[in-house]
Amino acid sequence: GVGVGTGSGLAQRGYRVIVPIDCLSSEDPYNEQYAAWHMFKGGPAV
């Protein structure tokens, strides 16, 4: 939610986004795995 939503908003505004994966949590491991991959490689190039 906030990791992908705000992280993407930052990146699209030209900020460098630092994603410490041990400081971002979800309800379950799958959501964290999906979100980490989205920010690393699965999301838009920007």
ModelCIF file with pLDDT and N, C-alpha, C, O atoms, coordinates in Angstrom:
data_MODEL
#
_entry.id   MODEL 
#
_entity.id                         1 
_entity.type                       polymer 
_entity.pdbx_number_of_molecules   1 
#
_entity_poly.entity_id                      1 
_entity_poly.type                           'polypeptide(L)' 
_entity_poly.nstd_linkage                   no 
_entity_poly.nstd_monomer                   no 
_entity_poly.pdbx_seq_one_letter_code       GVGVGTGSGLAQRGYRVIVPIDCLSSEDPYNEQYAAWHMFKGGPAV 
_entity_poly.pdbx_seq_one_letter_code_can   GVGVGTGSGLAQRGYRVIVPIDCLSSEDPYNEQYAAWHMFKGGPAV 
_entity_poly.pdbx_strand_id                 A 
#
loop_
_entity_poly_seq.entity_id 
_entity_poly_seq.num 
_entity_poly_seq.mon_id 
_entity_poly_seq.hetero 
1 1  GLY n 
1 2  VAL n 
1 3  GLY n 
1 4  VAL n 
1 5  GLY n 
1 6  THR n 
1 7  GLY n 
1 8  SER n 
1 9  GLY n 
1 10 LEU n 
1 11 ALA n 
1 12 GLN n 
1 13 ARG n 
1 14 GLY n 
1 15 TYR n 
1 16 ARG n 
1 17 VAL n 
1 18 ILE n 
1 19 VAL n 
1 20 PRO n 
1 21 ILE n 
1 22 ASP n 
1 23 CYS n 
1 24 LEU n 
1 25 SER n 
1 26 SER n 
1 27 GLU n 
1 28 ASP n 
1 29 PRO n 
1 30 TYR n 
1 31 ASN n 
1 32 GLU n 
1 33 GLN n 
1 34 TYR n 
1 35 ALA n 
1 36 ALA n 
1 37 TRP n 
1 38 HIS n 
1 39 MET n 
1 40 PHE n 
1 41 LYS n 
1 42 GLY n 
1 43 GLY n 
1 44 PRO n 
1 45 ALA n 
1 46 VAL n 
#
_struct_asym.id          A 
_struct_asym.entity_id   1 
#
loop_
_ma_qa_metric.id 
_ma_qa_metric.mode 
_ma_qa_metric.name 
_ma_qa_metric.software_group_id 
_ma_qa_metric.type 
1 global pLDDT . pLDDT 
2 local  pLDDT . pLDDT 
#
_ma_qa_metric_global.metric_id      1 
_ma_qa_metric_global.metric_value   97.41 
_ma_qa_metric_global.model_id       1 
_ma_qa_metric_global.ordinal_id     1 
#
loop_
_ma_qa_metric_local.label_asym_id 
_ma_qa_metric_local.label_comp_id 
_ma_qa_metric_local.label_seq_id 
_ma_qa_metric_local.metric_id 
_ma_qa_metric_local.metric_value 
_ma_qa_metric_local.model_id 
_ma_qa_metric_local.ordinal_id 
A GLY 1  2 97.00 1 1  
A VAL 2  2 97.00 1 2  
A GLY 3  2 98.00 1 3  
A VAL 4  2 98.00 1 4  
A GLY 5  2 98.00 1 5  
A THR 6  2 98.00 1 6  
A GLY 7  2 98.00 1 7  
A SER 8  2 98.00 1 8  
A GLY 9  2 98.00 1 9  
A LEU 10 2 98.00 1 10 
A ALA 11 2 98.00 1 11 
A GLN 12 2 97.00 1 12 
A ARG 13 2 97.00 1 13 
A GLY 14 2 97.00 1 14 
A TYR 15 2 98.00 1 15 
A ARG 16 2 98.00 1 16 
A VAL 17 2 98.00 1 17 
A ILE 18 2 98.00 1 18 
A VAL 19 2 98.00 1 19 
A PRO 20 2 98.00 1 20 
A ILE 21 2 98.00 1 21 
A ASP 22 2 98.00 1 22 
A CYS 23 2 98.00 1 23 
A LEU 24 2 98.00 1 24 
A SER 25 2 98.00 1 25 
A SER 26 2 97.00 1 26 
A GLU 27 2 96.00 1 27 
A ASP 28 2 96.00 1 28 
A PRO 29 2 96.00 1 29 
A TYR 30 2 96.00 1 30 
A ASN 31 2 97.00 1 31 
A GLU 32 2 98.00 1 32 
A GLN 33 2 97.00 1 33 
A TYR 34 2 96.00 1 34 
A ALA 35 2 98.00 1 35 
A ALA 36 2 98.00 1 36 
A TRP 37 2 97.00 1 37 
A HIS 38 2 97.00 1 38 
A MET 39 2 98.00 1 39 
A PHE 40 2 97.00 1 40 
A LYS 41 2 96.00 1 41 
A GLY 42 2 96.00 1 42 
A GLY 43 2 97.00 1 43 
A PRO 44 2 97.00 1 44 
A ALA 45 2 98.00 1 45 
A VAL 46 2 98.00 1 46 
#
loop_
_atom_site.group_PDB 
_atom_site.id 
_atom_site.type_symbol 
_atom_site.label_atom_id 
_atom_site.label_alt_id 
_atom_site.label_comp_id 
_atom_site.label_asym_id 
_atom_site.label_entity_id 
_atom_site.label_seq_id 
_atom_site.pdbx_PDB_ins_code 
_atom_site.Cartn_x 
_atom_site.Cartn_y 
_atom_site.Cartn_z 
_atom_site.occupancy 
_atom_site.B_iso_or_equiv 
_atom_site.pdbx_formal_charge 
_atom_site.auth_seq_id 
_atom_site.auth_comp_id 
_atom_site.auth_asym_id 
_atom_site.auth_atom_id 
_atom_site.pdbx_PDB_model_num 
ATOM 1   N N  . GLY A 1 1  ? 0.825  -1.203  0.000   1.00 97.00 ? 1  GLY A N  1 
ATOM 2   C CA . GLY A 1 1  ? 0.000  0.000   0.000   1.00 97.00 ? 1  GLY A CA 1 
ATOM 3   C C  . GLY A 1 1  ? 0.856  1.248   0.000   1.00 97.00 ? 1  GLY A C  1 
ATOM 4   O O  . GLY A 1 1  ? 1.130  1.819   -1.056  1.00 97.00 ? 1  GLY A O  1 
ATOM 5   N N  . VAL A 1 2  ? 1.287  1.683   1.198   1.00 97.00 ? 2  VAL A N  1 
ATOM 6   C CA . VAL A 1 2  ? 2.069  2.919   1.284   1.00 97.00 ? 2  VAL A CA 1 
ATOM 7   C C  . VAL A 1 2  ? 3.462  2.762   0.670   1.00 97.00 ? 2  VAL A C  1 
ATOM 8   O O  . VAL A 1 2  ? 4.018  3.726   0.143   1.00 97.00 ? 2  VAL A O  1 
ATOM 9   N N  . GLY A 1 3  ? 4.030  1.553   0.737   1.00 98.00 ? 3  GLY A N  1 
ATOM 10  C CA . GLY A 1 3  ? 5.362  1.367   0.161   1.00 98.00 ? 3  GLY A CA 1 
ATOM 11  C C  . GLY A 1 3  ? 5.360  1.563   -1.337  1.00 98.00 ? 3  GLY A C  1 
ATOM 12  O O  . GLY A 1 3  ? 6.153  2.336   -1.876  1.00 98.00 ? 3  GLY A O  1 
ATOM 13  N N  . VAL A 1 4  ? 4.458  0.852   -2.015  1.00 98.00 ? 4  VAL A N  1 
ATOM 14  C CA . VAL A 1 4  ? 4.349  0.968   -3.470  1.00 98.00 ? 4  VAL A CA 1 
ATOM 15  C C  . VAL A 1 4  ? 3.690  2.293   -3.861  1.00 98.00 ? 4  VAL A C  1 
ATOM 16  O O  . VAL A 1 4  ? 4.151  2.963   -4.785  1.00 98.00 ? 4  VAL A O  1 
ATOM 17  N N  . GLY A 1 5  ? 2.616  2.673   -3.164  1.00 98.00 ? 5  GLY A N  1 
ATOM 18  C CA . GLY A 1 5  ? 1.894  3.884   -3.536  1.00 98.00 ? 5  GLY A CA 1 
ATOM 19  C C  . GLY A 1 5  ? 2.721  5.145   -3.388  1.00 98.00 ? 5  GLY A C  1 
ATOM 20  O O  . GLY A 1 5  ? 2.813  5.943   -4.321  1.00 98.00 ? 5  GLY A O  1 
ATOM 21  N N  . THR A 1 6  ? 3.325  5.331   -2.219  1.00 98.00 ? 6  THR A N  1 
ATOM 22  C CA . THR A 1 6  ? 4.129  6.533   -1.990  1.00 98.00 ? 6  THR A CA 1 
ATOM 23  C C  . THR A 1 6  ? 5.488  6.413   -2.660  1.00 98.00 ? 6  THR A C  1 
ATOM 24  O O  . THR A 1 6  ? 6.009  7.397   -3.187  1.00 98.00 ? 6  THR A O  1 
ATOM 25  N N  . GLY A 1 7  ? 6.069  5.210   -2.646  1.00 98.00 ? 7  GLY A N  1 
ATOM 26  C CA . GLY A 1 7  ? 7.347  5.018   -3.327  1.00 98.00 ? 7  GLY A CA 1 
ATOM 27  C C  . GLY A 1 7  ? 7.244  5.330   -4.811  1.00 98.00 ? 7  GLY A C  1 
ATOM 28  O O  . GLY A 1 7  ? 8.121  5.983   -5.376  1.00 98.00 ? 7  GLY A O  1 
ATOM 29  N N  . SER A 1 8  ? 6.171  4.862   -5.442  1.00 98.00 ? 8  SER A N  1 
ATOM 30  C CA . SER A 1 8  ? 5.967  5.153   -6.867  1.00 98.00 ? 8  SER A CA 1 
ATOM 31  C C  . SER A 1 8  ? 5.734  6.644   -7.092  1.00 98.00 ? 8  SER A C  1 
ATOM 32  O O  . SER A 1 8  ? 6.243  7.224   -8.051  1.00 98.00 ? 8  SER A O  1 
ATOM 33  N N  . GLY A 1 9  ? 4.960  7.256   -6.197  1.00 98.00 ? 9  GLY A N  1 
ATOM 34  C CA . GLY A 1 9  ? 4.729  8.697   -6.316  1.00 98.00 ? 9  GLY A CA 1 
ATOM 35  C C  . GLY A 1 9  ? 6.008  9.497   -6.219  1.00 98.00 ? 9  GLY A C  1 
ATOM 36  O O  . GLY A 1 9  ? 6.194  10.475  -6.943  1.00 98.00 ? 9  GLY A O  1 
ATOM 37  N N  . LEU A 1 10 ? 6.893  9.082   -5.324  1.00 98.00 ? 10 LEU A N  1 
ATOM 38  C CA . LEU A 1 10 ? 8.195  9.744   -5.192  1.00 98.00 ? 10 LEU A CA 1 
ATOM 39  C C  . LEU A 1 10 ? 9.029  9.582   -6.457  1.00 98.00 ? 10 LEU A C  1 
ATOM 40  O O  . LEU A 1 10 ? 9.570  10.553  -6.986  1.00 98.00 ? 10 LEU A O  1 
ATOM 41  N N  . ALA A 1 11 ? 9.125  8.343   -6.936  1.00 98.00 ? 11 ALA A N  1 
ATOM 42  C CA . ALA A 1 11 ? 9.956  8.069   -8.116  1.00 98.00 ? 11 ALA A CA 1 
ATOM 43  C C  . ALA A 1 11 ? 9.459  8.843   -9.325  1.00 98.00 ? 11 ALA A C  1 
ATOM 44  O O  . ALA A 1 11 ? 10.260 9.365   -10.100 1.00 98.00 ? 11 ALA A O  1 
ATOM 45  N N  . GLN A 1 12 ? 8.151  8.920   -9.493  1.00 97.00 ? 12 GLN A N  1 
ATOM 46  C CA . GLN A 1 12 ? 7.600  9.624   -10.648 1.00 97.00 ? 12 GLN A CA 1 
ATOM 47  C C  . GLN A 1 12 ? 7.788  11.133  -10.547 1.00 97.00 ? 12 GLN A C  1 
ATOM 48  O O  . GLN A 1 12 ? 7.666  11.844  -11.544 1.00 97.00 ? 12 GLN A O  1 
ATOM 49  N N  . ARG A 1 13 ? 8.083  11.620  -9.354  1.00 97.00 ? 13 ARG A N  1 
ATOM 50  C CA . ARG A 1 13 ? 8.384  13.038  -9.176  1.00 97.00 ? 13 ARG A CA 1 
ATOM 51  C C  . ARG A 1 13 ? 9.883  13.313  -9.199  1.00 97.00 ? 13 ARG A C  1 
ATOM 52  O O  . ARG A 1 13 ? 10.315 14.439  -8.950  1.00 97.00 ? 13 ARG A O  1 
ATOM 53  N N  . GLY A 1 14 ? 10.670 12.293  -9.494  1.00 97.00 ? 14 GLY A N  1 
ATOM 54  C CA . GLY A 1 14 ? 12.103 12.478  -9.663  1.00 97.00 ? 14 GLY A CA 1 
ATOM 55  C C  . GLY A 1 14 ? 12.948 12.260  -8.434  1.00 97.00 ? 14 GLY A C  1 
ATOM 56  O O  . GLY A 1 14 ? 14.154 12.504  -8.466  1.00 97.00 ? 14 GLY A O  1 
ATOM 57  N N  . TYR A 1 15 ? 12.342 11.802  -7.338  1.00 98.00 ? 15 TYR A N  1 
ATOM 58  C CA . TYR A 1 15 ? 13.120 11.531  -6.132  1.00 98.00 ? 15 TYR A CA 1 
ATOM 59  C C  . TYR A 1 15 ? 13.797 10.168  -6.228  1.00 98.00 ? 15 TYR A C  1 
ATOM 60  O O  . TYR A 1 15 ? 13.284 9.246   -6.862  1.00 98.00 ? 15 TYR A O  1 
ATOM 61  N N  . ARG A 1 16 ? 14.936 10.061  -5.599  1.00 98.00 ? 16 ARG A N  1 
ATOM 62  C CA . ARG A 1 16 ? 15.569 8.761   -5.415  1.00 98.00 ? 16 ARG A CA 1 
ATOM 63  C C  . ARG A 1 16 ? 14.897 8.095   -4.221  1.00 98.00 ? 16 ARG A C  1 
ATOM 64  O O  . ARG A 1 16 ? 14.807 8.685   -3.144  1.00 98.00 ? 16 ARG A O  1 
ATOM 65  N N  . VAL A 1 17 ? 14.429 6.871   -4.412  1.00 98.00 ? 17 VAL A N  1 
ATOM 66  C CA . VAL A 1 17 ? 13.644 6.192   -3.388  1.00 98.00 ? 17 VAL A CA 1 
ATOM 67  C C  . VAL A 1 17 ? 14.472 5.058   -2.777  1.00 98.00 ? 17 VAL A C  1 
ATOM 68  O O  . VAL A 1 17 ? 14.947 4.174   -3.491  1.00 98.00 ? 17 VAL A O  1 
ATOM 69  N N  . ILE A 1 18 ? 14.641 5.089   -1.457  1.00 98.00 ? 18 ILE A N  1 
ATOM 70  C CA . ILE A 1 18 ? 15.359 4.042   -0.742  1.00 98.00 ? 18 ILE A CA 1 
ATOM 71  C C  . ILE A 1 18 ? 14.325 3.166   -0.038  1.00 98.00 ? 18 ILE A C  1 
ATOM 72  O O  . ILE A 1 18 ? 13.502 3.652   0.738   1.00 98.00 ? 18 ILE A O  1 
ATOM 73  N N  . VAL A 1 19 ? 14.383 1.879   -0.322  1.00 98.00 ? 19 VAL A N  1 
ATOM 74  C CA . VAL A 1 19 ? 13.377 0.933   0.159   1.00 98.00 ? 19 VAL A CA 1 
ATOM 75  C C  . VAL A 1 19 ? 14.047 -0.086  1.089   1.00 98.00 ? 19 VAL A C  1 
ATOM 76  O O  . VAL A 1 19 ? 14.517 -1.122  0.616   1.00 98.00 ? 19 VAL A O  1 
ATOM 77  N N  . PRO A 1 20 ? 14.102 0.183   2.399   1.00 98.00 ? 20 PRO A N  1 
ATOM 78  C CA . PRO A 1 20 ? 14.646 -0.801  3.331   1.00 98.00 ? 20 PRO A CA 1 
ATOM 79  C C  . PRO A 1 20 ? 13.596 -1.880  3.596   1.00 98.00 ? 20 PRO A C  1 
ATOM 80  O O  . PRO A 1 20 ? 12.615 -1.637  4.299   1.00 98.00 ? 20 PRO A O  1 
ATOM 81  N N  . ILE A 1 21 ? 13.803 -3.060  3.037   1.00 98.00 ? 21 ILE A N  1 
ATOM 82  C CA . ILE A 1 21 ? 12.747 -4.075  3.053   1.00 98.00 ? 21 ILE A CA 1 
ATOM 83  C C  . ILE A 1 21 ? 12.429 -4.572  4.459   1.00 98.00 ? 21 ILE A C  1 
ATOM 84  O O  . ILE A 1 21 ? 11.356 -5.133  4.683   1.00 98.00 ? 21 ILE A O  1 
ATOM 85  N N  . ASP A 1 22 ? 13.343 -4.377  5.411   1.00 98.00 ? 22 ASP A N  1 
ATOM 86  C CA . ASP A 1 22 ? 13.062 -4.806  6.784   1.00 98.00 ? 22 ASP A CA 1 
ATOM 87  C C  . ASP A 1 22 ? 12.353 -3.723  7.595   1.00 98.00 ? 22 ASP A C  1 
ATOM 88  O O  . ASP A 1 22 ? 12.143 -3.883  8.797   1.00 98.00 ? 22 ASP A O  1 
ATOM 89  N N  . CYS A 1 23 ? 11.985 -2.626  6.938   1.00 98.00 ? 23 CYS A N  1 
ATOM 90  C CA . CYS A 1 23 ? 11.229 -1.548  7.585   1.00 98.00 ? 23 CYS A CA 1 
ATOM 91  C C  . CYS A 1 23 ? 9.862  -1.356  6.938   1.00 98.00 ? 23 CYS A C  1 
ATOM 92  O O  . CYS A 1 23 ? 9.144  -0.411  7.265   1.00 98.00 ? 23 CYS A O  1 
ATOM 93  N N  . LEU A 1 24 ? 9.508  -2.239  6.034   1.00 98.00 ? 24 LEU A N  1 
ATOM 94  C CA . LEU A 1 24 ? 8.210  -2.196  5.366   1.00 98.00 ? 24 LEU A CA 1 
ATOM 95  C C  . LEU A 1 24 ? 7.554  -3.558  5.524   1.00 98.00 ? 24 LEU A C  1 
ATOM 96  O O  . LEU A 1 24 ? 8.156  -4.585  5.209   1.00 98.00 ? 24 LEU A O  1 
ATOM 97  N N  . SER A 1 25 ? 6.331  -3.564  6.008   1.00 98.00 ? 25 SER A N  1 
ATOM 98  C CA . SER A 1 25 ? 5.666  -4.828  6.321   1.00 98.00 ? 25 SER A CA 1 
ATOM 99  C C  . SER A 1 25 ? 4.300  -4.893  5.663   1.00 98.00 ? 25 SER A C  1 
ATOM 100 O O  . SER A 1 25 ? 3.746  -3.887  5.219   1.00 98.00 ? 25 SER A O  1 
ATOM 101 N N  . SER A 1 26 ? 3.777  -6.109  5.614   1.00 97.00 ? 26 SER A N  1 
ATOM 102 C CA . SER A 1 26 ? 2.427  -6.334  5.103   1.00 97.00 ? 26 SER A CA 1 
ATOM 103 C C  . SER A 1 26 ? 1.709  -7.319  6.009   1.00 97.00 ? 26 SER A C  1 
ATOM 104 O O  . SER A 1 26 ? 2.250  -7.762  7.022   1.00 97.00 ? 26 SER A O  1 
ATOM 105 N N  . GLU A 1 27 ? 0.489  -7.653  5.630   1.00 96.00 ? 27 GLU A N  1 
ATOM 106 C CA . GLU A 1 27 ? -0.283 -8.617  6.396   1.00 96.00 ? 27 GLU A CA 1 
ATOM 107 C C  . GLU A 1 27 ? 0.288  -10.027 6.266   1.00 96.00 ? 27 GLU A C  1 
ATOM 108 O O  . GLU A 1 27 ? 0.114  -10.858 7.158   1.00 96.00 ? 27 GLU A O  1 
ATOM 109 N N  . ASP A 1 28 ? 0.972  -10.293 5.151   1.00 96.00 ? 28 ASP A N  1 
ATOM 110 C CA . ASP A 1 28 ? 1.507  -11.629 4.915   1.00 96.00 ? 28 ASP A CA 1 
ATOM 111 C C  . ASP A 1 28 ? 2.742  -11.521 4.018   1.00 96.00 ? 28 ASP A C  1 
ATOM 112 O O  . ASP A 1 28 ? 2.958  -10.485 3.390   1.00 96.00 ? 28 ASP A O  1 
ATOM 113 N N  . PRO A 1 29 ? 3.556  -12.582 3.953   1.00 96.00 ? 29 PRO A N  1 
ATOM 114 C CA . PRO A 1 29 ? 4.802  -12.527 3.190   1.00 96.00 ? 29 PRO A CA 1 
ATOM 115 C C  . PRO A 1 29 ? 4.602  -12.320 1.695   1.00 96.00 ? 29 PRO A C  1 
ATOM 116 O O  . PRO A 1 29 ? 5.427  -11.679 1.044   1.00 96.00 ? 29 PRO A O  1 
ATOM 117 N N  . TYR A 1 30 ? 3.507  -12.858 1.140   1.00 96.00 ? 30 TYR A N  1 
ATOM 118 C CA . TYR A 1 30 ? 3.320  -12.715 -0.303  1.00 96.00 ? 30 TYR A CA 1 
ATOM 119 C C  . TYR A 1 30 ? 3.197  -11.253 -0.708  1.00 96.00 ? 30 TYR A C  1 
ATOM 120 O O  . TYR A 1 30 ? 3.786  -10.836 -1.705  1.00 96.00 ? 30 TYR A O  1 
ATOM 121 N N  . ASN A 1 31 ? 2.437  -10.468 0.054   1.00 97.00 ? 31 ASN A N  1 
ATOM 122 C CA . ASN A 1 31 ? 2.295  -9.050  -0.277  1.00 97.00 ? 31 ASN A CA 1 
ATOM 123 C C  . ASN A 1 31 ? 3.638  -8.324  -0.205  1.00 97.00 ? 31 ASN A C  1 
ATOM 124 O O  . ASN A 1 31 ? 3.902  -7.427  -1.005  1.00 97.00 ? 31 ASN A O  1 
ATOM 125 N N  . GLU A 1 32 ? 4.478  -8.705  0.742   1.00 98.00 ? 32 GLU A N  1 
ATOM 126 C CA . GLU A 1 32 ? 5.810  -8.093  0.827   1.00 98.00 ? 32 GLU A CA 1 
ATOM 127 C C  . GLU A 1 32 ? 6.663  -8.506  -0.367  1.00 98.00 ? 32 GLU A C  1 
ATOM 128 O O  . GLU A 1 32 ? 7.383  -7.687  -0.938  1.00 98.00 ? 32 GLU A O  1 
ATOM 129 N N  . GLN A 1 33 ? 6.577  -9.773  -0.738  1.00 97.00 ? 33 GLN A N  1 
ATOM 130 C CA . GLN A 1 33 ? 7.345  -10.247 -1.893  1.00 97.00 ? 33 GLN A CA 1 
ATOM 131 C C  . GLN A 1 33 ? 6.919  -9.522  -3.167  1.00 97.00 ? 33 GLN A C  1 
ATOM 132 O O  . GLN A 1 33 ? 7.755  -9.056  -3.941  1.00 97.00 ? 33 GLN A O  1 
ATOM 133 N N  . TYR A 1 34 ? 5.616  -9.435  -3.370  1.00 96.00 ? 34 TYR A N  1 
ATOM 134 C CA . TYR A 1 34 ? 5.101  -8.725  -4.544  1.00 96.00 ? 34 TYR A CA 1 
ATOM 135 C C  . TYR A 1 34 ? 5.576  -7.276  -4.563  1.00 96.00 ? 34 TYR A C  1 
ATOM 136 O O  . TYR A 1 34 ? 6.031  -6.779  -5.593  1.00 96.00 ? 34 TYR A O  1 
ATOM 137 N N  . ALA A 1 35 ? 5.466  -6.596  -3.410  1.00 98.00 ? 35 ALA A N  1 
ATOM 138 C CA . ALA A 1 35 ? 5.808  -5.177  -3.344  1.00 98.00 ? 35 ALA A CA 1 
ATOM 139 C C  . ALA A 1 35 ? 7.297  -4.958  -3.577  1.00 98.00 ? 35 ALA A C  1 
ATOM 140 O O  . ALA A 1 35 ? 7.685  -4.028  -4.285  1.00 98.00 ? 35 ALA A O  1 
ATOM 141 N N  . ALA A 1 36 ? 8.129  -5.806  -2.987  1.00 98.00 ? 36 ALA A N  1 
ATOM 142 C CA . ALA A 1 36 ? 9.576  -5.674  -3.183  1.00 98.00 ? 36 ALA A CA 1 
ATOM 143 C C  . ALA A 1 36 ? 9.927  -5.860  -4.653  1.00 98.00 ? 36 ALA A C  1 
ATOM 144 O O  . ALA A 1 36 ? 10.744 -5.118  -5.198  1.00 98.00 ? 36 ALA A O  1 
ATOM 145 N N  . TRP A 1 37 ? 9.311  -6.850  -5.294  1.00 97.00 ? 37 TRP A N  1 
ATOM 146 C CA . TRP A 1 37 ? 9.612  -7.089  -6.711  1.00 97.00 ? 37 TRP A CA 1 
ATOM 147 C C  . TRP A 1 37 ? 9.104  -5.944  -7.575  1.00 97.00 ? 37 TRP A C  1 
ATOM 148 O O  . TRP A 1 37 ? 9.754  -5.577  -8.555  1.00 97.00 ? 37 TRP A O  1 
ATOM 149 N N  . HIS A 1 38 ? 7.960  -5.375  -7.231  1.00 97.00 ? 38 HIS A N  1 
ATOM 150 C CA . HIS A 1 38 ? 7.421  -4.247  -7.987  1.00 97.00 ? 38 HIS A CA 1 
ATOM 151 C C  . HIS A 1 38 ? 8.395  -3.076  -7.973  1.00 97.00 ? 38 HIS A C  1 
ATOM 152 O O  . HIS A 1 38 ? 8.658  -2.469  -9.012  1.00 97.00 ? 38 HIS A O  1 
ATOM 153 N N  . MET A 1 39 ? 8.929  -2.759  -6.797  1.00 98.00 ? 39 MET A N  1 
ATOM 154 C CA . MET A 1 39 ? 9.849  -1.633  -6.690  1.00 98.00 ? 39 MET A CA 1 
ATOM 155 C C  . MET A 1 39 ? 11.203 -1.935  -7.312  1.00 98.00 ? 39 MET A C  1 
ATOM 156 O O  . MET A 1 39 ? 11.890 -1.026  -7.776  1.00 98.00 ? 39 MET A O  1 
ATOM 157 N N  . PHE A 1 40 ? 11.588 -3.205  -7.324  1.00 97.00 ? 40 PHE A N  1 
ATOM 158 C CA . PHE A 1 40 ? 12.911 -3.590  -7.836  1.00 97.00 ? 40 PHE A CA 1 
ATOM 159 C C  . PHE A 1 40 ? 12.932 -3.733  -9.356  1.00 97.00 ? 40 PHE A C  1 
ATOM 160 O O  . PHE A 1 40 ? 13.828 -3.215  -10.022 1.00 97.00 ? 40 PHE A O  1 
ATOM 161 N N  . LYS A 1 41 ? 11.930 -4.443  -9.902  1.00 96.00 ? 41 LYS A N  1 
ATOM 162 C CA . LYS A 1 41 ? 11.977 -4.745  -11.335 1.00 96.00 ? 41 LYS A CA 1 
ATOM 163 C C  . LYS A 1 41 ? 10.613 -4.815  -11.999 1.00 96.00 ? 41 LYS A C  1 
ATOM 164 O O  . LYS A 1 41 ? 10.504 -4.564  -13.199 1.00 96.00 ? 41 LYS A O  1 
ATOM 165 N N  . GLY A 1 42 ? 9.570  -5.148  -11.249 1.00 96.00 ? 42 GLY A N  1 
ATOM 166 C CA . GLY A 1 42 ? 8.277  -5.410  -11.865 1.00 96.00 ? 42 GLY A CA 1 
ATOM 167 C C  . GLY A 1 42 ? 7.459  -4.185  -12.185 1.00 96.00 ? 42 GLY A C  1 
ATOM 168 O O  . GLY A 1 42 ? 6.542  -4.261  -13.003 1.00 96.00 ? 42 GLY A O  1 
ATOM 169 N N  . GLY A 1 43 ? 7.758  -3.051  -11.567 1.00 97.00 ? 43 GLY A N  1 
ATOM 170 C CA . GLY A 1 43 ? 6.975  -1.844  -11.787 1.00 97.00 ? 43 GLY A CA 1 
ATOM 171 C C  . GLY A 1 43 ? 7.422  -1.079  -13.024 1.00 97.00 ? 43 GLY A C  1 
ATOM 172 O O  . GLY A 1 43 ? 8.312  -1.533  -13.743 1.00 97.00 ? 43 GLY A O  1 
ATOM 173 N N  . PRO A 1 44 ? 6.816  0.077   -13.282 1.00 97.00 ? 44 PRO A N  1 
ATOM 174 C CA . PRO A 1 44 ? 7.217  0.907   -14.423 1.00 97.00 ? 44 PRO A CA 1 
ATOM 175 C C  . PRO A 1 44 ? 8.693  1.302   -14.327 1.00 97.00 ? 44 PRO A C  1 
ATOM 176 O O  . PRO A 1 44 ? 9.249  1.402   -13.233 1.00 97.00 ? 44 PRO A O  1 
ATOM 177 N N  . ALA A 1 45 ? 9.309  1.521   -15.473 1.00 98.00 ? 45 ALA A N  1 
ATOM 178 C CA . ALA A 1 45 ? 10.739 1.831   -15.516 1.00 98.00 ? 45 ALA A CA 1 
ATOM 179 C C  . ALA A 1 45 ? 11.088 3.062   -14.695 1.00 98.00 ? 45 ALA A C  1 
ATOM 180 O O  . ALA A 1 45 ? 12.149 3.108   -14.073 1.00 98.00 ? 45 ALA A O  1 
ATOM 181 N N  . VAL A 1 46 ? 10.206 4.068   -14.685 1.00 98.00 ? 46 VAL A N  1 
ATOM 182 C CA . VAL A 1 46 ? 10.480 5.283   -13.913 1.00 98.00 ? 46 VAL A CA 1 
ATOM 183 C C  . VAL A 1 46 ? 10.552 4.974   -12.420 1.00 98.00 ? 46 VAL A C  1 
ATOM 184 O O  . VAL A 1 46 ? 10.775 5.876   -11.613 1.00 98.00 ? 46 VAL A O  1 
#
